[in-house]
């Protein structure tokens, strides 16, 4: 139980930030869609933390969620470095 709980606490927020960030970046009108996605962020965070307890063991939760976090941020870095997405200032 401790393994799943710590995975939810430490990896839940980065995954929720990643999902929210991808959703906001992939929208066509970032100026009008960023705020609604930021408001939905808390619900996504709770959903990710809840899904952590569906894993059989804490190790699986850490490996899957950690792998998704690393892969997601690597993809985000690749998209930004290649110029496929641009962050509006």
PDB file of N, CA and C in Angstrom:
ATOM      1  N   UNK A   1       0.813  -1.199   0.000  1.00  0.00           N
ATOM      2  CA  UNK A   1       0.000   0.000   0.000  1.00  0.00           C
ATOM      3  C   UNK A   1       0.854   1.260   0.000  1.00  0.00           C
ATOM      4  N   UNK A   2       1.998   1.210   0.697  1.00  0.00           N
ATOM      5  CA  UNK A   2       2.857   2.393   0.734  1.00  0.00           C
ATOM      6  C   UNK A   2       3.442   2.697  -0.631  1.00  0.00           C
ATOM      7  N   UNK A   3       3.765   1.657  -1.389  1.00  0.00           N
ATOM      8  CA  UNK A   3       4.323   1.856  -2.727  1.00  0.00           C
ATOM      9  C   UNK A   3       3.354   2.564  -3.653  1.00  0.00           C
ATOM     10  N   UNK A   4       2.104   2.134  -3.611  1.00  0.00           N
ATOM     11  CA  UNK A   4       1.086   2.779  -4.439  1.00  0.00           C
ATOM     12  C   UNK A   4       0.820   4.208  -3.984  1.00  0.00           C
ATOM     13  N   UNK A   5       0.794   4.411  -2.677  1.00  0.00           N
ATOM     14  CA  UNK A   5       0.532   5.751  -2.143  1.00  0.00           C
ATOM     15  C   UNK A   5       1.639   6.724  -2.507  1.00  0.00           C
ATOM     16  N   UNK A   6       2.884   6.286  -2.379  1.00  0.00           N
ATOM     17  CA  UNK A   6       3.982   7.188  -2.729  1.00  0.00           C
ATOM     18  C   UNK A   6       4.039   7.440  -4.235  1.00  0.00           C
ATOM     19  N   UNK A   7       3.701   6.435  -5.030  1.00  0.00           N
ATOM     20  CA  UNK A   7       3.639   6.648  -6.480  1.00  0.00           C
ATOM     21  C   UNK A   7       2.551   7.666  -6.817  1.00  0.00           C
ATOM     22  N   UNK A   8       1.417   7.576  -6.143  1.00  0.00           N
ATOM     23  CA  UNK A   8       0.332   8.533  -6.384  1.00  0.00           C
ATOM     24  C   UNK A   8       0.744   9.938  -5.993  1.00  0.00           C
ATOM     25  N   UNK A   9       1.435  10.070  -4.861  1.00  0.00           N
ATOM     26  CA  UNK A   9       1.818  11.395  -4.384  1.00  0.00           C
ATOM     27  C   UNK A   9       2.903  12.016  -5.260  1.00  0.00           C
ATOM     28  N   UNK A  10       3.949  11.233  -5.571  1.00  0.00           N
ATOM     29  CA  UNK A  10       5.098  11.804  -6.267  1.00  0.00           C
ATOM     30  C   UNK A  10       4.971  11.810  -7.788  1.00  0.00           C
ATOM     31  N   UNK A  11       4.194  10.908  -8.360  1.00  0.00           N
ATOM     32  CA  UNK A  11       4.079  10.850  -9.815  1.00  0.00           C
ATOM     33  C   UNK A  11       2.720  11.304 -10.325  1.00  0.00           C
ATOM     34  N   UNK A  12       1.767  11.504  -9.432  1.00  0.00           N
ATOM     35  CA  UNK A  12       0.440  11.939  -9.858  1.00  0.00           C
ATOM     36  C   UNK A  12       0.432  13.342 -10.422  1.00  0.00           C
ATOM     37  N   UNK A  13       1.102  14.251  -9.753  1.00  0.00           N
ATOM     38  CA  UNK A  13       1.105  15.634 -10.219  1.00  0.00           C
ATOM     39  C   UNK A  13       1.859  15.811 -11.540  1.00  0.00           C
ATOM     40  N   UNK A  14       3.073  15.247 -11.697  1.00  0.00           N
ATOM     41  CA  UNK A  14       3.732  15.415 -12.995  1.00  0.00           C
ATOM     42  C   UNK A  14       2.937  14.837 -14.163  1.00  0.00           C
ATOM     43  N   UNK A  15       2.258  13.716 -13.946  1.00  0.00           N
ATOM     44  CA  UNK A  15       1.437  13.157 -15.019  1.00  0.00           C
ATOM     45  C   UNK A  15       0.229  14.043 -15.323  1.00  0.00           C
ATOM     46  N   UNK A  16      -0.375  14.606 -14.296  1.00  0.00           N
ATOM     47  CA  UNK A  16      -1.506  15.502 -14.516  1.00  0.00           C
ATOM     48  C   UNK A  16      -1.059  16.779 -15.228  1.00  0.00           C
ATOM     49  N   UNK A  17       0.104  17.288 -14.869  1.00  0.00           N
ATOM     50  CA  UNK A  17       0.652  18.466 -15.548  1.00  0.00           C
ATOM     51  C   UNK A  17       0.919  18.140 -17.014  1.00  0.00           C
ATOM     52  N   UNK A  18       1.428  16.943 -17.266  1.00  0.00           N
ATOM     53  CA  UNK A  18       1.725  16.517 -18.627  1.00  0.00           C
ATOM     54  C   UNK A  18       0.453  16.418 -19.465  1.00  0.00           C
ATOM     55  N   UNK A  19      -0.569  15.796 -18.931  1.00  0.00           N
ATOM     56  CA  UNK A  19      -1.840  15.666 -19.666  1.00  0.00           C
ATOM     57  C   UNK A  19      -2.447  17.037 -19.929  1.00  0.00           C
ATOM     58  N   UNK A  20      -2.462  17.887 -18.923  1.00  0.00           N
ATOM     59  CA  UNK A  20      -3.016  19.230 -19.072  1.00  0.00           C
ATOM     60  C   UNK A  20      -2.195  20.047 -20.062  1.00  0.00           C
ATOM     61  N   UNK A  21      -0.873  19.934 -19.981  1.00  0.00           N
ATOM     62  CA  UNK A  21      -0.008  20.680 -20.889  1.00  0.00           C
ATOM     63  C   UNK A  21      -0.184  20.257 -22.334  1.00  0.00           C
ATOM     64  N   UNK A  22      -0.249  18.950 -22.586  1.00  0.00           N
ATOM     65  CA  UNK A  22      -0.473  18.484 -23.952  1.00  0.00           C
ATOM     66  C   UNK A  22      -1.827  18.956 -24.473  1.00  0.00           C
ATOM     67  N   UNK A  23      -2.834  18.893 -23.649  1.00  0.00           N
ATOM     68  CA  UNK A  23      -4.164  19.318 -24.084  1.00  0.00           C
ATOM     69  C   UNK A  23      -4.183  20.810 -24.403  1.00  0.00           C
ATOM     70  N   UNK A  24      -3.520  21.604 -23.594  1.00  0.00           N
ATOM     71  CA  UNK A  24      -3.495  23.043 -23.832  1.00  0.00           C
ATOM     72  C   UNK A  24      -2.623  23.390 -25.040  1.00  0.00           C
ATOM     73  N   UNK A  25      -1.512  22.696 -25.207  1.00  0.00           N
ATOM     74  CA  UNK A  25      -0.623  22.996 -26.327  1.00  0.00           C
ATOM     75  C   UNK A  25      -1.186  22.549 -27.666  1.00  0.00           C
ATOM     76  N   UNK A  26      -1.936  21.475 -27.693  1.00  0.00           N
ATOM     77  CA  UNK A  26      -2.465  20.956 -28.941  1.00  0.00           C
ATOM     78  C   UNK A  26      -3.744  21.646 -29.390  1.00  0.00           C
ATOM     79  N   UNK A  27      -4.284  22.522 -28.567  1.00  0.00           N
ATOM     80  CA  UNK A  27      -5.494  23.235 -28.966  1.00  0.00           C
ATOM     81  C   UNK A  27      -5.129  24.314 -29.987  1.00  0.00           C
ATOM     82  N   UNK A  28      -6.072  24.638 -30.833  1.00  0.00           N
ATOM     83  CA  UNK A  28      -5.799  25.628 -31.880  1.00  0.00           C
ATOM     84  C   UNK A  28      -5.786  27.056 -31.339  1.00  0.00           C
ATOM     85  N   UNK A  29      -6.549  27.317 -30.303  1.00  0.00           N
ATOM     86  CA  UNK A  29      -6.625  28.665 -29.727  1.00  0.00           C
ATOM     87  C   UNK A  29      -6.175  28.599 -28.276  1.00  0.00           C
ATOM     88  N   UNK A  30      -4.876  28.714 -28.046  1.00  0.00           N
ATOM     89  CA  UNK A  30      -4.331  28.567 -26.701  1.00  0.00           C
ATOM     90  C   UNK A  30      -4.808  29.659 -25.752  1.00  0.00           C
ATOM     91  N   UNK A  31      -5.055  30.831 -26.263  1.00  0.00           N
ATOM     92  CA  UNK A  31      -5.461  31.938 -25.402  1.00  0.00           C
ATOM     93  C   UNK A  31      -6.815  31.677 -24.740  1.00  0.00           C
ATOM     94  N   UNK A  32      -7.685  30.984 -25.432  1.00  0.00           N
ATOM     95  CA  UNK A  32      -9.027  30.744 -24.893  1.00  0.00           C
ATOM     96  C   UNK A  32      -9.202  29.378 -24.253  1.00  0.00           C
ATOM     97  N   UNK A  33      -8.281  28.463 -24.461  1.00  0.00           N
ATOM     98  CA  UNK A  33      -8.459  27.124 -23.911  1.00  0.00           C
ATOM     99  C   UNK A  33      -7.536  26.807 -22.740  1.00  0.00           C
ATOM    100  N   UNK A  34      -6.535  27.619 -22.493  1.00  0.00           N
ATOM    101  CA  UNK A  34      -5.603  27.320 -21.407  1.00  0.00           C
ATOM    102  C   UNK A  34      -6.275  27.407 -20.045  1.00  0.00           C
ATOM    103  N   UNK A  35      -7.038  28.433 -19.803  1.00  0.00           N
ATOM    104  CA  UNK A  35      -7.694  28.589 -18.502  1.00  0.00           C
ATOM    105  C   UNK A  35      -8.662  27.450 -18.186  1.00  0.00           C
ATOM    106  N   UNK A  36      -9.520  27.043 -19.114  1.00  0.00           N
ATOM    107  CA  UNK A  36     -10.375  25.889 -18.795  1.00  0.00           C
ATOM    108  C   UNK A  36      -9.586  24.622 -18.491  1.00  0.00           C
ATOM    109  N   UNK A  37      -8.493  24.386 -19.207  1.00  0.00           N
ATOM    110  CA  UNK A  37      -7.677  23.204 -18.912  1.00  0.00           C
ATOM    111  C   UNK A  37      -7.015  23.312 -17.552  1.00  0.00           C
ATOM    112  N   UNK A  38      -6.618  24.512 -17.167  1.00  0.00           N
ATOM    113  CA  UNK A  38      -6.039  24.679 -15.834  1.00  0.00           C
ATOM    114  C   UNK A  38      -7.072  24.446 -14.742  1.00  0.00           C
ATOM    115  N   UNK A  39      -8.310  24.767 -15.019  1.00  0.00           N
ATOM    116  CA  UNK A  39      -9.368  24.504 -14.048  1.00  0.00           C
ATOM    117  C   UNK A  39      -9.677  23.013 -13.930  1.00  0.00           C
ATOM    118  N   UNK A  40      -9.506  22.273 -15.023  1.00  0.00           N
ATOM    119  CA  UNK A  40      -9.754  20.838 -15.031  1.00  0.00           C
ATOM    120  C   UNK A  40      -8.565  20.070 -14.461  1.00  0.00           C
ATOM    121  N   UNK A  41      -7.415  20.745 -14.310  1.00  0.00           N
ATOM    122  CA  UNK A  41      -6.195  20.099 -13.848  1.00  0.00           C
ATOM    123  C   UNK A  41      -6.393  19.323 -12.549  1.00  0.00           C
ATOM    124  N   UNK A  42      -7.075  19.893 -11.587  1.00  0.00           N
ATOM    125  CA  UNK A  42      -7.255  19.235 -10.292  1.00  0.00           C
ATOM    126  C   UNK A  42      -8.011  17.915 -10.444  1.00  0.00           C
ATOM    127  N   UNK A  43      -9.028  17.900 -11.309  1.00  0.00           N
ATOM    128  CA  UNK A  43      -9.783  16.667 -11.537  1.00  0.00           C
ATOM    129  C   UNK A  43      -8.918  15.605 -12.208  1.00  0.00           C
ATOM    130  N   UNK A  44      -8.056  16.023 -13.124  1.00  0.00           N
ATOM    131  CA  UNK A  44      -7.138  15.085 -13.782  1.00  0.00           C
ATOM    132  C   UNK A  44      -6.158  14.531 -12.761  1.00  0.00           C
ATOM    133  N   UNK A  45      -5.673  15.387 -11.877  1.00  0.00           N
ATOM    134  CA  UNK A  45      -4.719  14.971 -10.845  1.00  0.00           C
ATOM    135  C   UNK A  45      -5.348  13.919  -9.927  1.00  0.00           C
ATOM    136  N   UNK A  46      -6.565  14.164  -9.501  1.00  0.00           N
ATOM    137  CA  UNK A  46      -7.272  13.207  -8.643  1.00  0.00           C
ATOM    138  C   UNK A  46      -7.505  11.901  -9.387  1.00  0.00           C
ATOM    139  N   UNK A  47      -7.853  11.969 -10.666  1.00  0.00           N
ATOM    140  CA  UNK A  47      -8.077  10.756 -11.453  1.00  0.00           C
ATOM    141  C   UNK A  47      -6.795   9.941 -11.603  1.00  0.00           C
ATOM    142  N   UNK A  48      -5.679  10.620 -11.835  1.00  0.00           N
ATOM    143  CA  UNK A  48      -4.396   9.914 -11.966  1.00  0.00           C
ATOM    144  C   UNK A  48      -4.021   9.262 -10.645  1.00  0.00           C
ATOM    145  N   UNK A  49      -4.206   9.983  -9.537  1.00  0.00           N
ATOM    146  CA  UNK A  49      -3.875   9.402  -8.237  1.00  0.00           C
ATOM    147  C   UNK A  49      -4.789   8.218  -7.916  1.00  0.00           C
ATOM    148  N   UNK A  50      -6.032   8.295  -8.323  1.00  0.00           N
ATOM    149  CA  UNK A  50      -6.958   7.192  -8.086  1.00  0.00           C
ATOM    150  C   UNK A  50      -6.581   5.972  -8.917  1.00  0.00           C
ATOM    151  N   UNK A  51      -6.185   6.201 -10.165  1.00  0.00           N
ATOM    152  CA  UNK A  51      -5.805   5.081 -11.046  1.00  0.00           C
ATOM    153  C   UNK A  51      -4.547   4.374 -10.563  1.00  0.00           C
ATOM    154  N   UNK A  52      -3.755   5.034  -9.742  1.00  0.00           N
ATOM    155  CA  UNK A  52      -2.557   4.395  -9.203  1.00  0.00           C
ATOM    156  C   UNK A  52      -2.916   3.161  -8.390  1.00  0.00           C
ATOM    157  N   UNK A  53      -4.033   3.173  -7.716  1.00  0.00           N
ATOM    158  CA  UNK A  53      -4.424   2.065  -6.857  1.00  0.00           C
ATOM    159  C   UNK A  53      -5.027   0.896  -7.628  1.00  0.00           C
ATOM    160  N   UNK A  54      -5.129   1.001  -8.950  1.00  0.00           N
ATOM    161  CA  UNK A  54      -5.596  -0.112  -9.765  1.00  0.00           C
ATOM    162  C   UNK A  54      -4.472  -1.094 -10.090  1.00  0.00           C
ATOM    163  N   UNK A  55      -3.218  -0.681  -9.864  1.00  0.00           N
ATOM    164  CA  UNK A  55      -2.094  -1.575 -10.128  1.00  0.00           C
ATOM    165  C   UNK A  55      -2.040  -2.666  -9.064  1.00  0.00           C
ATOM    166  N   UNK A  56      -1.468  -3.801  -9.454  1.00  0.00           N
ATOM    167  CA  UNK A  56      -1.398  -4.934  -8.542  1.00  0.00           C
ATOM    168  C   UNK A  56      -0.417  -4.701  -7.401  1.00  0.00           C
ATOM    169  N   UNK A  57       0.735  -4.118  -7.705  1.00  0.00           N
ATOM    170  CA  UNK A  57       1.753  -3.870  -6.685  1.00  0.00           C
ATOM    171  C   UNK A  57       2.242  -2.430  -6.783  1.00  0.00           C
ATOM    172  N   UNK A  58       2.927  -1.992  -5.742  1.00  0.00           N
ATOM    173  CA  UNK A  58       3.509  -0.666  -5.750  1.00  0.00           C
ATOM    174  C   UNK A  58       4.623  -0.524  -6.774  1.00  0.00           C
ATOM    175  N   UNK A  59       5.374  -1.599  -6.971  1.00  0.00           N
ATOM    176  CA  UNK A  59       6.452  -1.569  -7.959  1.00  0.00           C
ATOM    177  C   UNK A  59       5.905  -1.347  -9.360  1.00  0.00           C
ATOM    178  N   UNK A  60       4.822  -2.036  -9.693  1.00  0.00           N
ATOM    179  CA  UNK A  60       4.207  -1.827 -11.012  1.00  0.00           C
ATOM    180  C   UNK A  60       3.698  -0.404 -11.160  1.00  0.00           C
ATOM    181  N   UNK A  61       3.126   0.141 -10.109  1.00  0.00           N
ATOM    182  CA  UNK A  61       2.653   1.524 -10.168  1.00  0.00           C
ATOM    183  C   UNK A  61       3.808   2.480 -10.427  1.00  0.00           C
ATOM    184  N   UNK A  62       4.914   2.291  -9.707  1.00  0.00           N
ATOM    185  CA  UNK A  62       6.082   3.147  -9.906  1.00  0.00           C
ATOM    186  C   UNK A  62       6.644   3.005 -11.313  1.00  0.00           C
ATOM    187  N   UNK A  63       6.756   1.760 -11.790  1.00  0.00           N
ATOM    188  CA  UNK A  63       7.344   1.547 -13.111  1.00  0.00           C
ATOM    189  C   UNK A  63       6.467   2.111 -14.232  1.00  0.00           C
ATOM    190  N   UNK A  64       5.179   1.828 -14.198  1.00  0.00           N
ATOM    191  CA  UNK A  64       4.289   2.327 -15.244  1.00  0.00           C
ATOM    192  C   UNK A  64       4.156   3.842 -15.206  1.00  0.00           C
ATOM    193  N   UNK A  65       3.900   4.376 -14.028  1.00  0.00           N
ATOM    194  CA  UNK A  65       3.716   5.824 -13.940  1.00  0.00           C
ATOM    195  C   UNK A  65       5.025   6.571 -14.181  1.00  0.00           C
ATOM    196  N   UNK A  66       6.118   6.036 -13.676  1.00  0.00           N
ATOM    197  CA  UNK A  66       7.420   6.650 -13.935  1.00  0.00           C
ATOM    198  C   UNK A  66       7.783   6.593 -15.400  1.00  0.00           C
ATOM    199  N   UNK A  67       7.505   5.448 -16.028  1.00  0.00           N
ATOM    200  CA  UNK A  67       7.768   5.318 -17.459  1.00  0.00           C
ATOM    201  C   UNK A  67       6.926   6.265 -18.295  1.00  0.00           C
ATOM    202  N   UNK A  68       5.651   6.395 -17.940  1.00  0.00           N
ATOM    203  CA  UNK A  68       4.783   7.333 -18.648  1.00  0.00           C
ATOM    204  C   UNK A  68       5.239   8.776 -18.459  1.00  0.00           C
ATOM    205  N   UNK A  69       5.680   9.097 -17.255  1.00  0.00           N
ATOM    206  CA  UNK A  69       6.153  10.455 -16.984  1.00  0.00           C
ATOM    207  C   UNK A  69       7.401  10.764 -17.798  1.00  0.00           C
ATOM    208  N   UNK A  70       8.371   9.855 -17.773  1.00  0.00           N
ATOM    209  CA  UNK A  70       9.617  10.075 -18.522  1.00  0.00           C
ATOM    210  C   UNK A  70       9.334  10.135 -20.024  1.00  0.00           C
ATOM    211  N   UNK A  71       8.521   9.208 -20.528  1.00  0.00           N
ATOM    212  CA  UNK A  71       8.209   9.191 -21.959  1.00  0.00           C
ATOM    213  C   UNK A  71       7.436  10.442 -22.386  1.00  0.00           C
ATOM    214  N   UNK A  72       6.510  10.870 -21.551  1.00  0.00           N
ATOM    215  CA  UNK A  72       5.726  12.058 -21.883  1.00  0.00           C
ATOM    216  C   UNK A  72       6.554  13.320 -21.914  1.00  0.00           C
ATOM    217  N   UNK A  73       7.414  13.497 -20.914  1.00  0.00           N
ATOM    218  CA  UNK A  73       8.251  14.694 -20.898  1.00  0.00           C
ATOM    219  C   UNK A  73       9.320  14.635 -21.984  1.00  0.00           C
ATOM    220  N   UNK A  74       9.791  13.432 -22.338  1.00  0.00           N
ATOM    221  CA  UNK A  74      10.732  13.304 -23.457  1.00  0.00           C
ATOM    222  C   UNK A  74      10.043  13.681 -24.770  1.00  0.00           C
ATOM    223  N   UNK A  75       8.801  13.232 -24.950  1.00  0.00           N
ATOM    224  CA  UNK A  75       8.052  13.585 -26.151  1.00  0.00           C
ATOM    225  C   UNK A  75       7.800  15.094 -26.207  1.00  0.00           C
ATOM    226  N   UNK A  76       7.461  15.678 -25.071  1.00  0.00           N
ATOM    227  CA  UNK A  76       7.242  17.123 -25.028  1.00  0.00           C
ATOM    228  C   UNK A  76       8.524  17.880 -25.365  1.00  0.00           C
ATOM    229  N   UNK A  77       9.642  17.421 -24.835  1.00  0.00           N
ATOM    230  CA  UNK A  77      10.923  18.055 -25.133  1.00  0.00           C
ATOM    231  C   UNK A  77      11.271  17.901 -26.617  1.00  0.00           C
ATOM    232  N   UNK A  78      11.023  16.712 -27.178  1.00  0.00           N
ATOM    233  CA  UNK A  78      11.293  16.479 -28.590  1.00  0.00           C
ATOM    234  C   UNK A  78      10.434  17.382 -29.469  1.00  0.00           C
ATOM    235  N   UNK A  79       9.157  17.490 -29.159  1.00  0.00           N
ATOM    236  CA  UNK A  79       8.264  18.336 -29.951  1.00  0.00           C
ATOM    237  C   UNK A  79       8.676  19.797 -29.899  1.00  0.00           C
ATOM    238  N   UNK A  80       9.085  20.244 -28.728  1.00  0.00           N
ATOM    239  CA  UNK A  80       9.510  21.639 -28.588  1.00  0.00           C
ATOM    240  C   UNK A  80      10.850  21.874 -29.278  1.00  0.00           C
ATOM    241  N   UNK A  81      11.794  20.950 -29.140  1.00  0.00           N
ATOM    242  CA  UNK A  81      13.114  21.111 -29.736  1.00  0.00           C
ATOM    243  C   UNK A  81      13.052  21.031 -31.266  1.00  0.00           C
ATOM    244  N   UNK A  82      12.143  20.221 -31.791  1.00  0.00           N
ATOM    245  CA  UNK A  82      12.048  20.082 -33.236  1.00  0.00           C
ATOM    246  C   UNK A  82      11.244  21.214 -33.878  1.00  0.00           C
ATOM    247  N   UNK A  83      10.594  22.024 -33.081  1.00  0.00           N
ATOM    248  CA  UNK A  83       9.833  23.147 -33.607  1.00  0.00           C
ATOM    249  C   UNK A  83       8.433  22.792 -34.045  1.00  0.00           C
ATOM    250  N   UNK A  84       7.985  21.567 -33.732  1.00  0.00           N
ATOM    251  CA  UNK A  84       6.631  21.163 -34.125  1.00  0.00           C
ATOM    252  C   UNK A  84       5.560  21.859 -33.297  1.00  0.00           C
ATOM    253  N   UNK A  85       5.876  22.193 -32.070  1.00  0.00           N
ATOM    254  CA  UNK A  85       4.957  23.005 -31.270  1.00  0.00           C
ATOM    255  C   UNK A  85       5.702  24.229 -30.784  1.00  0.00           C
ATOM    256  N   UNK A  86       4.958  25.278 -30.604  1.00  0.00           N
ATOM    257  CA  UNK A  86       5.546  26.526 -30.143  1.00  0.00           C
ATOM    258  C   UNK A  86       4.716  27.024 -28.980  1.00  0.00           C
ATOM    259  N   UNK A  87       5.380  27.392 -27.935  1.00  0.00           N
ATOM    260  CA  UNK A  87       4.666  27.897 -26.765  1.00  0.00           C
ATOM    261  C   UNK A  87       4.409  29.381 -26.970  1.00  0.00           C
ATOM    262  N   UNK A  88       3.136  29.741 -26.941  1.00  0.00           N
ATOM    263  CA  UNK A  88       2.759  31.136 -27.126  1.00  0.00           C
ATOM    264  C   UNK A  88       3.081  31.933 -25.874  1.00  0.00           C
ATOM    265  N   UNK A  89       3.666  33.077 -26.069  1.00  0.00           N
ATOM    266  CA  UNK A  89       4.034  33.918 -24.927  1.00  0.00           C
ATOM    267  C   UNK A  89       3.030  34.999 -24.687  1.00  0.00           C
TER     268      UNK A  89
END
